[in-house]
N, C-alpha and C. Protein backbone atom coordinates (compact mmCIF):
# COMPACT_ATOMS: atom_id res chain seq x y z
N MET A 1 0.83 -1.21 0.00
CA MET A 1 0.00 0.00 0.00
C MET A 1 0.85 1.25 0.00
N GLU A 2 1.92 1.29 0.81
CA GLU A 2 2.79 2.45 0.84
C GLU A 2 3.47 2.64 -0.52
N GLY A 3 3.85 1.53 -1.14
CA GLY A 3 4.48 1.64 -2.46
C GLY A 3 3.52 2.18 -3.49
N LEU A 4 2.22 1.78 -3.39
CA LEU A 4 1.21 2.30 -4.33
C LEU A 4 0.99 3.78 -4.15
N ALA A 5 0.98 4.25 -2.91
CA ALA A 5 0.80 5.69 -2.65
C ALA A 5 1.96 6.48 -3.18
N GLU A 6 3.18 5.95 -3.00
CA GLU A 6 4.35 6.65 -3.52
C GLU A 6 4.33 6.69 -5.04
N HIS A 7 3.76 5.64 -5.63
CA HIS A 7 3.72 5.60 -7.09
C HIS A 7 2.71 6.61 -7.67
N ARG A 8 1.59 6.87 -6.95
CA ARG A 8 0.53 7.77 -7.46
C ARG A 8 0.83 9.25 -7.22
N MET A 9 1.58 9.57 -6.22
CA MET A 9 1.82 10.98 -5.90
C MET A 9 2.47 11.77 -7.02
N PRO A 10 3.43 11.25 -7.73
CA PRO A 10 3.97 12.02 -8.85
C PRO A 10 2.93 12.37 -9.89
N ALA A 11 1.99 11.43 -10.14
CA ALA A 11 0.93 11.72 -11.13
C ALA A 11 0.07 12.88 -10.69
N THR A 12 -0.26 12.91 -9.39
CA THR A 12 -1.08 14.02 -8.86
C THR A 12 -0.34 15.34 -8.93
N ALA A 13 0.93 15.32 -8.56
CA ALA A 13 1.73 16.55 -8.62
C ALA A 13 1.92 17.01 -10.05
N HIS A 14 1.97 16.07 -10.98
CA HIS A 14 2.16 16.43 -12.38
C HIS A 14 0.90 17.03 -13.00
N SER A 15 -0.30 16.56 -12.54
CA SER A 15 -1.56 17.04 -13.12
C SER A 15 -2.00 18.38 -12.54
N ALA A 16 -1.47 18.81 -11.40
CA ALA A 16 -1.91 20.07 -10.77
C ALA A 16 -1.61 21.27 -11.63
N PRO A 17 -0.39 21.39 -12.20
CA PRO A 17 -0.14 22.55 -13.06
C PRO A 17 -1.05 22.62 -14.26
N SER A 18 -1.42 21.43 -14.78
CA SER A 18 -2.32 21.41 -15.93
C SER A 18 -3.65 22.04 -15.58
N THR A 19 -4.19 21.74 -14.38
CA THR A 19 -5.49 22.30 -13.97
C THR A 19 -5.39 23.80 -13.77
N ALA A 20 -4.30 24.24 -13.17
CA ALA A 20 -4.14 25.68 -12.92
C ALA A 20 -4.00 26.46 -14.21
N SER A 21 -3.40 25.84 -15.22
CA SER A 21 -3.19 26.56 -16.48
C SER A 21 -4.43 26.64 -17.33
N THR A 22 -5.39 25.77 -17.15
CA THR A 22 -6.59 25.75 -18.00
C THR A 22 -7.74 26.50 -17.37
N GLN A 23 -7.80 26.63 -16.05
CA GLN A 23 -8.92 27.30 -15.41
C GLN A 23 -8.64 28.79 -15.28
N GLU A 24 -9.67 29.63 -15.53
CA GLU A 24 -9.56 31.07 -15.36
C GLU A 24 -9.80 31.44 -13.91
N PRO A 25 -9.15 32.51 -13.44
CA PRO A 25 -9.38 32.93 -12.05
C PRO A 25 -10.81 33.39 -11.87
N THR A 26 -11.41 33.02 -10.79
CA THR A 26 -12.81 33.35 -10.50
C THR A 26 -12.88 34.29 -9.32
N THR A 27 -13.95 35.04 -9.27
CA THR A 27 -14.17 35.97 -8.15
C THR A 27 -14.57 35.18 -6.92
N PRO A 28 -14.00 35.46 -5.80
CA PRO A 28 -14.39 34.74 -4.57
C PRO A 28 -15.87 34.90 -4.32
N THR A 29 -16.47 33.79 -3.88
CA THR A 29 -17.92 33.79 -3.69
C THR A 29 -18.34 34.62 -2.50
N HIS A 30 -17.41 34.90 -1.57
CA HIS A 30 -17.84 35.63 -0.38
C HIS A 30 -17.84 37.14 -0.59
N LEU A 31 -17.31 37.64 -1.77
CA LEU A 31 -17.32 39.08 -2.03
C LEU A 31 -18.58 39.45 -2.80
N PRO A 32 -19.29 40.52 -2.40
CA PRO A 32 -20.51 40.92 -3.12
C PRO A 32 -20.17 41.52 -4.47
N SER A 33 -21.03 41.27 -5.44
CA SER A 33 -20.81 41.83 -6.78
C SER A 33 -21.17 43.31 -6.78
N PRO A 34 -20.48 44.12 -7.60
CA PRO A 34 -20.77 45.57 -7.62
C PRO A 34 -22.17 45.83 -8.14
N PRO A 35 -22.84 46.86 -7.60
CA PRO A 35 -24.21 47.15 -8.03
C PRO A 35 -24.24 47.61 -9.48
N ALA A 36 -25.30 47.20 -10.17
CA ALA A 36 -25.46 47.60 -11.57
C ALA A 36 -25.85 49.07 -11.64
N THR A 37 -25.26 49.76 -12.60
CA THR A 37 -25.56 51.19 -12.77
C THR A 37 -26.21 51.41 -14.11
N THR A 38 -27.10 52.34 -14.16
CA THR A 38 -27.79 52.71 -15.40
C THR A 38 -27.54 54.17 -15.67
N PRO A 39 -27.67 54.61 -16.94
CA PRO A 39 -27.46 56.03 -17.25
C PRO A 39 -28.36 56.95 -16.46
N SER A 40 -29.60 56.48 -16.19
CA SER A 40 -30.52 57.36 -15.49
C SER A 40 -30.12 57.56 -14.05
N SER A 41 -29.51 56.48 -13.42
CA SER A 41 -29.16 56.60 -12.01
C SER A 41 -27.90 57.40 -11.80
N THR A 42 -27.06 57.52 -12.84
CA THR A 42 -25.79 58.23 -12.67
C THR A 42 -25.85 59.67 -13.17
N THR A 43 -26.75 59.95 -14.12
CA THR A 43 -26.77 61.30 -14.71
C THR A 43 -27.89 62.17 -14.14
N ARG A 44 -28.98 61.57 -13.74
CA ARG A 44 -30.10 62.35 -13.25
C ARG A 44 -30.00 62.54 -11.74
N LYS A 45 -30.23 63.76 -11.33
CA LYS A 45 -30.24 64.07 -9.91
C LYS A 45 -31.59 64.66 -9.55
N ARG A 46 -32.15 64.16 -8.51
CA ARG A 46 -33.45 64.64 -8.09
C ARG A 46 -33.32 65.99 -7.39
N LYS A 47 -34.18 66.92 -7.76
CA LYS A 47 -34.12 68.24 -7.15
C LYS A 47 -34.50 68.16 -5.67
N PRO A 48 -33.80 68.92 -4.84
CA PRO A 48 -34.12 68.87 -3.41
C PRO A 48 -35.49 69.47 -3.14
N GLN A 49 -36.21 68.85 -2.23
CA GLN A 49 -37.53 69.32 -1.84
C GLN A 49 -37.41 70.24 -0.62
N ILE A 50 -38.10 71.38 -0.69
CA ILE A 50 -38.04 72.34 0.42
C ILE A 50 -39.38 72.33 1.14
N ARG A 51 -39.34 72.12 2.43
CA ARG A 51 -40.53 72.15 3.25
C ARG A 51 -40.56 73.47 4.01
N PHE A 52 -41.58 74.27 3.77
CA PHE A 52 -41.67 75.57 4.42
C PHE A 52 -42.11 75.40 5.87
N SER A 53 -41.40 76.10 6.73
CA SER A 53 -41.81 76.17 8.13
C SER A 53 -42.47 77.52 8.36
N ALA A 54 -43.04 77.70 9.55
CA ALA A 54 -43.68 78.98 9.87
C ALA A 54 -42.66 80.11 9.84
N GLU A 55 -41.44 79.83 10.30
CA GLU A 55 -40.39 80.86 10.30
C GLU A 55 -40.00 81.23 8.87
N MET A 56 -39.88 80.24 7.98
CA MET A 56 -39.52 80.52 6.60
C MET A 56 -40.60 81.34 5.90
N GLY A 57 -41.87 81.00 6.18
CA GLY A 57 -42.96 81.77 5.60
C GLY A 57 -42.96 83.21 6.08
N THR A 58 -42.64 83.41 7.36
CA THR A 58 -42.57 84.77 7.90
C THR A 58 -41.46 85.57 7.24
N VAL A 59 -40.30 84.93 7.06
CA VAL A 59 -39.17 85.62 6.41
C VAL A 59 -39.53 86.01 4.98
N LEU A 60 -40.18 85.11 4.26
CA LEU A 60 -40.55 85.41 2.88
C LEU A 60 -41.55 86.57 2.81
N LEU A 61 -42.52 86.57 3.72
CA LEU A 61 -43.49 87.66 3.75
C LEU A 61 -42.82 88.99 4.08
N GLN A 62 -41.86 88.98 5.00
CA GLN A 62 -41.15 90.20 5.35
C GLN A 62 -40.38 90.76 4.15
N GLU A 63 -39.73 89.87 3.39
CA GLU A 63 -38.98 90.32 2.22
C GLU A 63 -39.91 90.87 1.14
N VAL A 64 -41.08 90.25 0.98
CA VAL A 64 -42.04 90.75 0.00
C VAL A 64 -42.53 92.14 0.38
N LEU A 65 -42.80 92.33 1.68
CA LEU A 65 -43.24 93.65 2.13
C LEU A 65 -42.12 94.68 2.00
N ALA A 66 -40.88 94.25 2.20
CA ALA A 66 -39.75 95.19 2.13
C ALA A 66 -39.50 95.65 0.70
N HIS A 67 -39.52 94.72 -0.25
CA HIS A 67 -39.21 95.06 -1.64
C HIS A 67 -40.46 95.51 -2.42
N ASN A 68 -41.64 95.04 -1.99
CA ASN A 68 -42.90 95.42 -2.63
C ASN A 68 -42.83 95.31 -4.15
N PRO A 69 -42.73 94.12 -4.70
CA PRO A 69 -42.59 93.97 -6.15
C PRO A 69 -43.82 94.42 -6.93
N PHE A 70 -44.98 94.54 -6.24
CA PHE A 70 -46.19 94.93 -6.95
C PHE A 70 -46.14 96.39 -7.41
N GLU A 71 -45.34 97.22 -6.71
CA GLU A 71 -45.23 98.63 -7.08
C GLU A 71 -44.08 98.88 -8.05
N ALA A 72 -43.34 97.85 -8.42
CA ALA A 72 -42.21 98.02 -9.35
C ALA A 72 -42.73 98.39 -10.73
N GLY A 73 -41.96 99.19 -11.45
CA GLY A 73 -42.38 99.61 -12.78
C GLY A 73 -42.27 98.49 -13.79
N ARG A 74 -42.74 98.78 -14.99
CA ARG A 74 -42.70 97.77 -16.05
C ARG A 74 -41.25 97.41 -16.37
N GLY A 75 -40.96 96.12 -16.40
CA GLY A 75 -39.61 95.66 -16.66
C GLY A 75 -38.76 95.51 -15.41
N SER A 76 -39.31 95.92 -14.24
CA SER A 76 -38.54 95.83 -12.99
C SER A 76 -39.11 94.82 -12.01
N LYS A 77 -40.27 94.24 -12.31
CA LYS A 77 -40.88 93.29 -11.38
C LYS A 77 -40.02 92.05 -11.20
N THR A 78 -39.47 91.54 -12.31
CA THR A 78 -38.64 90.33 -12.21
C THR A 78 -37.42 90.59 -11.35
N ALA A 79 -36.82 91.77 -11.50
CA ALA A 79 -35.64 92.10 -10.68
C ALA A 79 -36.01 92.18 -9.21
N ALA A 80 -37.18 92.74 -8.90
CA ALA A 80 -37.62 92.84 -7.51
C ALA A 80 -37.83 91.45 -6.91
N TRP A 81 -38.43 90.56 -7.68
CA TRP A 81 -38.63 89.19 -7.19
C TRP A 81 -37.28 88.48 -7.03
N ALA A 82 -36.35 88.77 -7.92
CA ALA A 82 -35.02 88.15 -7.81
C ALA A 82 -34.33 88.58 -6.52
N GLN A 83 -34.51 89.84 -6.12
CA GLN A 83 -33.93 90.30 -4.86
C GLN A 83 -34.53 89.55 -3.67
N ILE A 84 -35.82 89.29 -3.75
CA ILE A 84 -36.48 88.54 -2.67
C ILE A 84 -35.92 87.12 -2.61
N VAL A 85 -35.77 86.50 -3.78
CA VAL A 85 -35.25 85.13 -3.83
C VAL A 85 -33.84 85.07 -3.24
N ASP A 86 -33.00 86.05 -3.59
CA ASP A 86 -31.64 86.07 -3.05
C ASP A 86 -31.63 86.31 -1.54
N ALA A 87 -32.56 87.13 -1.06
CA ALA A 87 -32.56 87.48 0.35
C ALA A 87 -33.00 86.31 1.23
N VAL A 88 -34.03 85.58 0.81
CA VAL A 88 -34.53 84.50 1.67
C VAL A 88 -33.64 83.27 1.60
N GLY A 89 -32.98 83.03 0.47
CA GLY A 89 -32.05 81.91 0.39
C GLY A 89 -32.70 80.56 0.17
N PHE A 90 -34.02 80.49 0.09
CA PHE A 90 -34.67 79.20 -0.19
C PHE A 90 -35.77 79.45 -1.22
N GLY A 91 -35.38 80.06 -2.34
CA GLY A 91 -36.35 80.61 -3.28
C GLY A 91 -36.90 79.66 -4.31
N VAL A 92 -36.91 78.36 -4.09
CA VAL A 92 -37.47 77.46 -5.10
C VAL A 92 -38.95 77.76 -5.31
N ASP A 93 -39.70 77.81 -4.21
CA ASP A 93 -41.12 78.07 -4.33
C ASP A 93 -41.39 79.50 -4.78
N ALA A 94 -40.52 80.42 -4.41
CA ALA A 94 -40.69 81.81 -4.84
C ALA A 94 -40.55 81.93 -6.35
N VAL A 95 -39.59 81.22 -6.93
CA VAL A 95 -39.41 81.24 -8.39
C VAL A 95 -40.64 80.68 -9.09
N VAL A 96 -41.15 79.58 -8.56
CA VAL A 96 -42.37 79.00 -9.12
C VAL A 96 -43.52 79.97 -9.01
N LEU A 97 -43.58 80.67 -7.88
CA LEU A 97 -44.65 81.65 -7.68
C LEU A 97 -44.57 82.77 -8.71
N VAL A 98 -43.37 83.27 -8.96
CA VAL A 98 -43.20 84.34 -9.96
C VAL A 98 -43.64 83.87 -11.33
N ALA A 99 -43.22 82.66 -11.69
CA ALA A 99 -43.61 82.12 -13.00
C ALA A 99 -45.12 81.98 -13.10
N GLY A 100 -45.75 81.53 -12.00
CA GLY A 100 -47.20 81.40 -12.01
C GLY A 100 -47.90 82.73 -12.17
N PHE A 101 -47.39 83.75 -11.45
CA PHE A 101 -47.99 85.07 -11.56
C PHE A 101 -47.84 85.63 -12.97
N LYS A 102 -46.63 85.49 -13.56
CA LYS A 102 -46.40 86.01 -14.90
C LYS A 102 -47.32 85.33 -15.91
N SER A 103 -47.50 84.02 -15.75
CA SER A 103 -48.37 83.29 -16.66
C SER A 103 -49.82 83.75 -16.50
N LYS A 104 -50.23 83.95 -15.22
CA LYS A 104 -51.60 84.37 -14.96
C LYS A 104 -51.87 85.76 -15.50
N ILE A 105 -50.90 86.68 -15.31
CA ILE A 105 -51.07 88.05 -15.79
C ILE A 105 -51.13 88.08 -17.32
N ALA A 106 -50.25 87.28 -17.96
CA ALA A 106 -50.25 87.24 -19.43
C ALA A 106 -51.58 86.72 -19.96
N ALA A 107 -52.11 85.68 -19.28
CA ALA A 107 -53.41 85.14 -19.71
C ALA A 107 -54.52 86.17 -19.51
N SER A 108 -54.48 86.91 -18.38
CA SER A 108 -55.50 87.92 -18.13
C SER A 108 -55.44 89.04 -19.15
N GLU A 109 -54.21 89.49 -19.49
CA GLU A 109 -54.08 90.55 -20.48
C GLU A 109 -54.57 90.09 -21.85
N LYS A 110 -54.27 88.84 -22.19
CA LYS A 110 -54.72 88.33 -23.48
C LYS A 110 -56.23 88.23 -23.53
N ALA A 111 -56.84 87.78 -22.40
CA ALA A 111 -58.29 87.63 -22.37
C ALA A 111 -59.00 88.98 -22.39
N SER A 112 -58.42 90.00 -21.77
CA SER A 112 -59.06 91.31 -21.69
C SER A 112 -58.76 92.20 -22.89
N GLY A 113 -57.86 91.77 -23.78
CA GLY A 113 -57.54 92.56 -24.96
C GLY A 113 -56.52 93.65 -24.73
N VAL A 114 -55.85 93.64 -23.57
CA VAL A 114 -54.85 94.67 -23.27
C VAL A 114 -53.69 94.58 -24.24
N GLU A 115 -53.28 93.34 -24.59
CA GLU A 115 -52.16 93.18 -25.51
C GLU A 115 -52.47 93.78 -26.87
N GLU A 116 -53.72 93.58 -27.33
CA GLU A 116 -54.07 94.12 -28.63
C GLU A 116 -54.04 95.64 -28.61
N ARG A 117 -54.50 96.23 -27.51
CA ARG A 117 -54.49 97.69 -27.43
C ARG A 117 -53.07 98.22 -27.34
N LYS A 118 -52.21 97.51 -26.63
CA LYS A 118 -50.81 97.92 -26.57
C LYS A 118 -50.18 97.89 -27.95
N ALA A 119 -50.56 96.89 -28.75
CA ALA A 119 -50.01 96.79 -30.10
C ALA A 119 -50.51 97.92 -30.99
N GLU A 120 -51.68 98.49 -30.65
CA GLU A 120 -52.23 99.56 -31.46
C GLU A 120 -51.55 100.90 -31.18
N ASN A 121 -50.92 101.06 -30.04
CA ASN A 121 -50.32 102.34 -29.69
C ASN A 121 -49.32 102.85 -30.74
N PRO A 122 -48.39 102.02 -31.24
CA PRO A 122 -47.48 102.52 -32.30
C PRO A 122 -48.23 103.00 -33.53
N ALA A 123 -49.33 102.33 -33.88
CA ALA A 123 -50.10 102.75 -35.05
C ALA A 123 -50.74 104.12 -34.81
N GLU A 124 -51.23 104.34 -33.58
CA GLU A 124 -51.81 105.64 -33.26
C GLU A 124 -50.75 106.74 -33.33
N LYS A 125 -49.55 106.42 -32.84
CA LYS A 125 -48.46 107.40 -32.89
C LYS A 125 -48.11 107.75 -34.33
N GLU A 126 -48.05 106.72 -35.19
CA GLU A 126 -47.74 106.96 -36.59
C GLU A 126 -48.82 107.79 -37.26
N SER A 127 -50.09 107.53 -36.90
CA SER A 127 -51.19 108.30 -37.47
C SER A 127 -51.10 109.77 -37.06
N LYS A 128 -50.73 110.00 -35.80
CA LYS A 128 -50.59 111.37 -35.33
C LYS A 128 -49.47 112.10 -36.06
N GLU A 129 -48.36 111.40 -36.31
CA GLU A 129 -47.25 112.02 -37.04
C GLU A 129 -47.67 112.37 -38.47
N ARG A 130 -48.45 111.48 -39.09
CA ARG A 130 -48.93 111.78 -40.44
C ARG A 130 -49.84 113.01 -40.44
N ASP A 131 -50.69 113.11 -39.41
CA ASP A 131 -51.57 114.28 -39.32
C ASP A 131 -50.77 115.57 -39.17
N ASN A 132 -49.72 115.51 -38.35
CA ASN A 132 -48.89 116.70 -38.18
C ASN A 132 -48.20 117.10 -39.49
N GLU A 133 -47.71 116.09 -40.22
CA GLU A 133 -47.08 116.38 -41.50
C GLU A 133 -48.09 116.98 -42.48
N ARG A 134 -49.31 116.45 -42.41
CA ARG A 134 -50.35 116.98 -43.30
C ARG A 134 -50.65 118.44 -42.95
N ALA A 135 -50.70 118.74 -41.66
CA ALA A 135 -50.98 120.13 -41.25
C ALA A 135 -49.87 121.06 -41.72
N ASP A 136 -48.62 120.62 -41.56
CA ASP A 136 -47.50 121.44 -42.02
C ASP A 136 -47.56 121.67 -43.53
N GLY A 137 -47.90 120.60 -44.26
CA GLY A 137 -47.99 120.73 -45.71
C GLY A 137 -49.09 121.69 -46.13
N MET A 138 -50.24 121.59 -45.45
CA MET A 138 -51.34 122.50 -45.77
C MET A 138 -50.96 123.95 -45.50
N ARG A 139 -50.27 124.18 -44.39
CA ARG A 139 -49.86 125.55 -44.06
C ARG A 139 -48.87 126.09 -45.10
N ASP A 140 -47.93 125.25 -45.49
CA ASP A 140 -46.94 125.69 -46.48
C ASP A 140 -47.59 125.99 -47.82
N GLU A 141 -48.51 125.12 -48.24
CA GLU A 141 -49.19 125.34 -49.52
C GLU A 141 -50.00 126.63 -49.48
N ALA A 142 -50.65 126.86 -48.34
CA ALA A 142 -51.46 128.08 -48.23
C ALA A 142 -50.58 129.32 -48.30
N MET A 143 -49.45 129.26 -47.64
CA MET A 143 -48.54 130.41 -47.66
C MET A 143 -47.99 130.66 -49.06
N LYS A 144 -47.66 129.57 -49.76
CA LYS A 144 -47.17 129.73 -51.13
C LYS A 144 -48.24 130.34 -52.03
N GLY A 145 -49.48 129.86 -51.85
CA GLY A 145 -50.56 130.40 -52.66
C GLY A 145 -50.81 131.87 -52.39
N MET A 146 -50.69 132.24 -51.13
CA MET A 146 -50.90 133.65 -50.78
C MET A 146 -49.82 134.54 -51.38
N LYS A 147 -48.60 134.05 -51.44
CA LYS A 147 -47.51 134.85 -51.99
C LYS A 147 -47.67 135.05 -53.49
N LYS A 148 -48.28 134.08 -54.17
CA LYS A 148 -48.43 134.18 -55.62
C LYS A 148 -49.50 135.18 -56.02
N ARG A 149 -50.45 135.40 -55.12
CA ARG A 149 -51.54 136.32 -55.45
C ARG A 149 -51.08 137.76 -55.22
N LYS A 150 -51.39 138.61 -56.14
CA LYS A 150 -50.91 139.99 -56.10
C LYS A 150 -51.93 140.96 -55.50
N THR A 151 -53.19 140.73 -55.76
CA THR A 151 -54.20 141.69 -55.35
C THR A 151 -54.77 141.32 -54.00
N LYS A 152 -55.33 142.33 -53.30
CA LYS A 152 -55.93 142.11 -51.99
C LYS A 152 -57.17 141.23 -52.10
N GLY A 153 -57.90 141.36 -53.21
CA GLY A 153 -59.10 140.56 -53.40
C GLY A 153 -58.80 139.08 -53.52
N ASP A 154 -57.64 138.73 -54.06
CA ASP A 154 -57.27 137.33 -54.17
C ASP A 154 -56.75 136.77 -52.83
N ILE A 155 -56.09 137.60 -52.05
CA ILE A 155 -55.51 137.13 -50.79
C ILE A 155 -56.58 136.82 -49.75
N LEU A 156 -57.61 137.65 -49.68
CA LEU A 156 -58.62 137.48 -48.63
C LEU A 156 -59.37 136.15 -48.75
N PRO A 157 -59.88 135.75 -49.93
CA PRO A 157 -60.55 134.44 -50.01
C PRO A 157 -59.61 133.28 -49.67
N ALA A 158 -58.36 133.41 -50.10
CA ALA A 158 -57.41 132.33 -49.79
C ALA A 158 -57.16 132.24 -48.30
N LEU A 159 -57.08 133.41 -47.64
CA LEU A 159 -56.87 133.41 -46.20
C LEU A 159 -58.06 132.80 -45.47
N ILE A 160 -59.26 133.16 -45.92
CA ILE A 160 -60.47 132.60 -45.30
C ILE A 160 -60.51 131.08 -45.48
N GLU A 161 -60.17 130.61 -46.68
CA GLU A 161 -60.15 129.16 -46.93
C GLU A 161 -59.11 128.47 -46.07
N HIS A 162 -57.97 129.11 -45.92
CA HIS A 162 -56.92 128.53 -45.08
C HIS A 162 -57.37 128.42 -43.62
N VAL A 163 -58.02 129.47 -43.13
CA VAL A 163 -58.51 129.44 -41.74
C VAL A 163 -59.56 128.36 -41.56
N ARG A 164 -60.44 128.22 -42.55
CA ARG A 164 -61.49 127.20 -42.46
C ARG A 164 -60.88 125.80 -42.42
N GLU A 165 -59.92 125.53 -43.31
CA GLU A 165 -59.27 124.22 -43.33
C GLU A 165 -58.50 123.97 -42.03
N ARG A 166 -57.87 125.04 -41.52
CA ARG A 166 -57.12 124.89 -40.28
C ARG A 166 -58.05 124.54 -39.12
N ASP A 167 -59.18 125.22 -39.03
CA ASP A 167 -60.12 124.94 -37.94
C ASP A 167 -60.69 123.53 -38.05
N GLU A 168 -60.99 123.13 -39.27
CA GLU A 168 -61.52 121.78 -39.47
C GLU A 168 -60.49 120.72 -39.07
N PHE A 169 -59.26 120.97 -39.46
CA PHE A 169 -58.21 120.01 -39.11
C PHE A 169 -57.97 119.97 -37.60
N ASN A 170 -57.95 121.14 -36.95
CA ASN A 170 -57.77 121.18 -35.50
C ASN A 170 -58.91 120.47 -34.78
N ARG A 171 -60.11 120.60 -35.31
CA ARG A 171 -61.26 119.93 -34.72
C ARG A 171 -61.10 118.41 -34.82
N GLU A 172 -60.61 117.95 -35.96
CA GLU A 172 -60.37 116.51 -36.13
C GLU A 172 -59.29 116.01 -35.18
N ILE A 173 -58.22 116.81 -35.02
CA ILE A 173 -57.15 116.43 -34.10
C ILE A 173 -57.67 116.36 -32.66
N ALA A 174 -58.53 117.31 -32.29
CA ALA A 174 -59.08 117.32 -30.93
C ALA A 174 -59.92 116.07 -30.68
N ILE A 175 -60.70 115.66 -31.68
CA ILE A 175 -61.53 114.45 -31.52
C ILE A 175 -60.64 113.23 -31.33
N ARG A 176 -59.59 113.13 -32.13
CA ARG A 176 -58.68 111.98 -32.00
C ARG A 176 -57.95 112.01 -30.66
N THR A 177 -57.60 113.21 -30.19
CA THR A 177 -56.91 113.31 -28.91
C THR A 177 -57.79 112.81 -27.78
N VAL A 178 -59.07 113.18 -27.82
CA VAL A 178 -60.00 112.71 -26.79
C VAL A 178 -60.13 111.20 -26.84
N ALA A 179 -60.23 110.64 -28.05
CA ALA A 179 -60.35 109.19 -28.17
C ALA A 179 -59.11 108.49 -27.64
N ASN A 180 -57.94 109.03 -27.96
CA ASN A 180 -56.70 108.42 -27.46
C ASN A 180 -56.61 108.51 -25.94
N GLU A 181 -57.06 109.62 -25.38
CA GLU A 181 -57.04 109.77 -23.92
C GLU A 181 -57.98 108.77 -23.25
N GLU A 182 -59.14 108.55 -23.87
CA GLU A 182 -60.07 107.56 -23.33
C GLU A 182 -59.45 106.16 -23.37
N ASN A 183 -58.78 105.85 -24.46
CA ASN A 183 -58.11 104.54 -24.54
C ASN A 183 -57.02 104.42 -23.49
N ARG A 184 -56.28 105.51 -23.27
CA ARG A 184 -55.22 105.47 -22.26
C ARG A 184 -55.80 105.25 -20.86
N LEU A 185 -56.89 105.94 -20.56
CA LEU A 185 -57.51 105.76 -19.25
C LEU A 185 -58.06 104.35 -19.08
N ALA A 186 -58.61 103.79 -20.17
CA ALA A 186 -59.12 102.42 -20.09
C ALA A 186 -57.99 101.44 -19.82
N LEU A 187 -56.86 101.63 -20.49
CA LEU A 187 -55.70 100.76 -20.24
C LEU A 187 -55.20 100.91 -18.81
N GLU A 188 -55.20 102.13 -18.30
CA GLU A 188 -54.74 102.35 -16.93
C GLU A 188 -55.66 101.67 -15.93
N ARG A 189 -56.98 101.75 -16.17
CA ARG A 189 -57.92 101.07 -15.28
C ARG A 189 -57.72 99.56 -15.31
N GLU A 190 -57.49 99.00 -16.48
CA GLU A 190 -57.27 97.56 -16.58
C GLU A 190 -55.98 97.15 -15.89
N ARG A 191 -54.94 98.00 -16.02
CA ARG A 191 -53.68 97.69 -15.35
C ARG A 191 -53.85 97.67 -13.83
N LEU A 192 -54.56 98.66 -13.29
CA LEU A 192 -54.80 98.70 -11.85
C LEU A 192 -55.62 97.51 -11.39
N GLU A 193 -56.59 97.11 -12.20
CA GLU A 193 -57.41 95.96 -11.84
C GLU A 193 -56.58 94.68 -11.82
N LEU A 194 -55.67 94.53 -12.78
CA LEU A 194 -54.81 93.35 -12.81
C LEU A 194 -53.88 93.33 -11.60
N GLU A 195 -53.34 94.48 -11.22
CA GLU A 195 -52.48 94.53 -10.04
C GLU A 195 -53.27 94.20 -8.78
N LYS A 196 -54.52 94.64 -8.72
CA LYS A 196 -55.37 94.32 -7.57
C LYS A 196 -55.60 92.82 -7.48
N LYS A 197 -55.88 92.18 -8.61
CA LYS A 197 -56.07 90.73 -8.62
C LYS A 197 -54.78 90.00 -8.25
N GLU A 198 -53.66 90.55 -8.69
CA GLU A 198 -52.36 89.94 -8.38
C GLU A 198 -52.12 89.96 -6.87
N ARG A 199 -52.40 91.09 -6.23
CA ARG A 199 -52.21 91.18 -4.78
C ARG A 199 -53.13 90.21 -4.06
N ALA A 200 -54.40 90.15 -4.50
CA ALA A 200 -55.35 89.26 -3.85
C ALA A 200 -54.92 87.80 -3.97
N ALA A 201 -54.43 87.41 -5.15
CA ALA A 201 -53.98 86.03 -5.33
C ALA A 201 -52.76 85.73 -4.47
N PHE A 202 -51.88 86.70 -4.35
CA PHE A 202 -50.67 86.51 -3.52
C PHE A 202 -51.05 86.34 -2.05
N ILE A 203 -51.95 87.19 -1.56
CA ILE A 203 -52.38 87.09 -0.16
C ILE A 203 -53.09 85.77 0.09
N GLN A 204 -53.92 85.34 -0.85
CA GLN A 204 -54.63 84.07 -0.69
C GLN A 204 -53.66 82.90 -0.66
N LEU A 205 -52.64 82.95 -1.51
CA LEU A 205 -51.66 81.87 -1.55
C LEU A 205 -50.90 81.74 -0.24
N PHE A 206 -50.43 82.87 0.29
CA PHE A 206 -49.68 82.82 1.53
C PHE A 206 -50.59 82.53 2.73
N GLY A 207 -51.86 82.91 2.62
CA GLY A 207 -52.78 82.54 3.68
C GLY A 207 -52.96 81.04 3.77
N SER A 208 -53.13 80.40 2.61
CA SER A 208 -53.26 78.95 2.61
C SER A 208 -51.98 78.26 3.04
N LEU A 209 -50.83 78.84 2.66
CA LEU A 209 -49.54 78.28 3.07
C LEU A 209 -49.37 78.36 4.58
N THR A 210 -49.71 79.51 5.16
CA THR A 210 -49.60 79.67 6.61
C THR A 210 -50.54 78.73 7.34
N THR A 211 -51.73 78.54 6.80
CA THR A 211 -52.68 77.62 7.44
C THR A 211 -52.15 76.20 7.46
N LYS A 212 -51.54 75.77 6.36
CA LYS A 212 -50.99 74.42 6.30
C LYS A 212 -49.83 74.25 7.27
N LEU A 213 -49.06 75.31 7.45
CA LEU A 213 -47.90 75.22 8.34
C LEU A 213 -48.31 75.19 9.81
N LEU A 214 -49.38 75.91 10.13
CA LEU A 214 -49.78 76.01 11.53
C LEU A 214 -50.66 74.85 11.98
N VAL A 215 -51.40 74.25 11.06
CA VAL A 215 -52.27 73.12 11.43
C VAL A 215 -51.41 71.87 11.57
N PRO A 216 -51.46 71.20 12.72
CA PRO A 216 -50.65 69.98 12.91
C PRO A 216 -51.10 68.88 11.97
N GLN A 217 -50.11 68.18 11.45
CA GLN A 217 -50.41 67.10 10.51
C GLN A 217 -50.77 65.81 11.29
């Protein structure tokens, strides 16, 4: 038996290198495999959610009262809201609020026809300029005609005709001026009404926000 064991051992030692050379190294079974990654899990980041507290709502209201964006002139409202966002430091909801207000105001202006009237203003200005040019031309033509006439009898009828045309033209300009003023007042009333609705919506929004914060969940 001992002789048989001694005879077999060289065969076993000789076959071991053959096994090691043909088998590929494997990962140890006790090590966990790395988690699978997808493009969506590595490239997309979820935006942080901000939960308003009573203190945060108070700070936001104070900044709104301090900057008063509702009284800002045309083209300055966005800058006023941006100052509020920078001051409070948690302006995610404030930015959404501004976008909502701008969308609501644009929809209200479109529904009420304010945009169409604003677009008409350049046309009215151009019409007024044409009227002024026409008046200047009429005056120049009248003066030229008066200079060409030599006798007093010819000058007087021309002067009377010139005065009549001038009065008629001035009357037409006065009528247009009144109409333009009425349009301007109508636009001003609509603007004030929109600002009033904007304030009411803002107060209602923060009232509901404060109620949610103060009521225990």
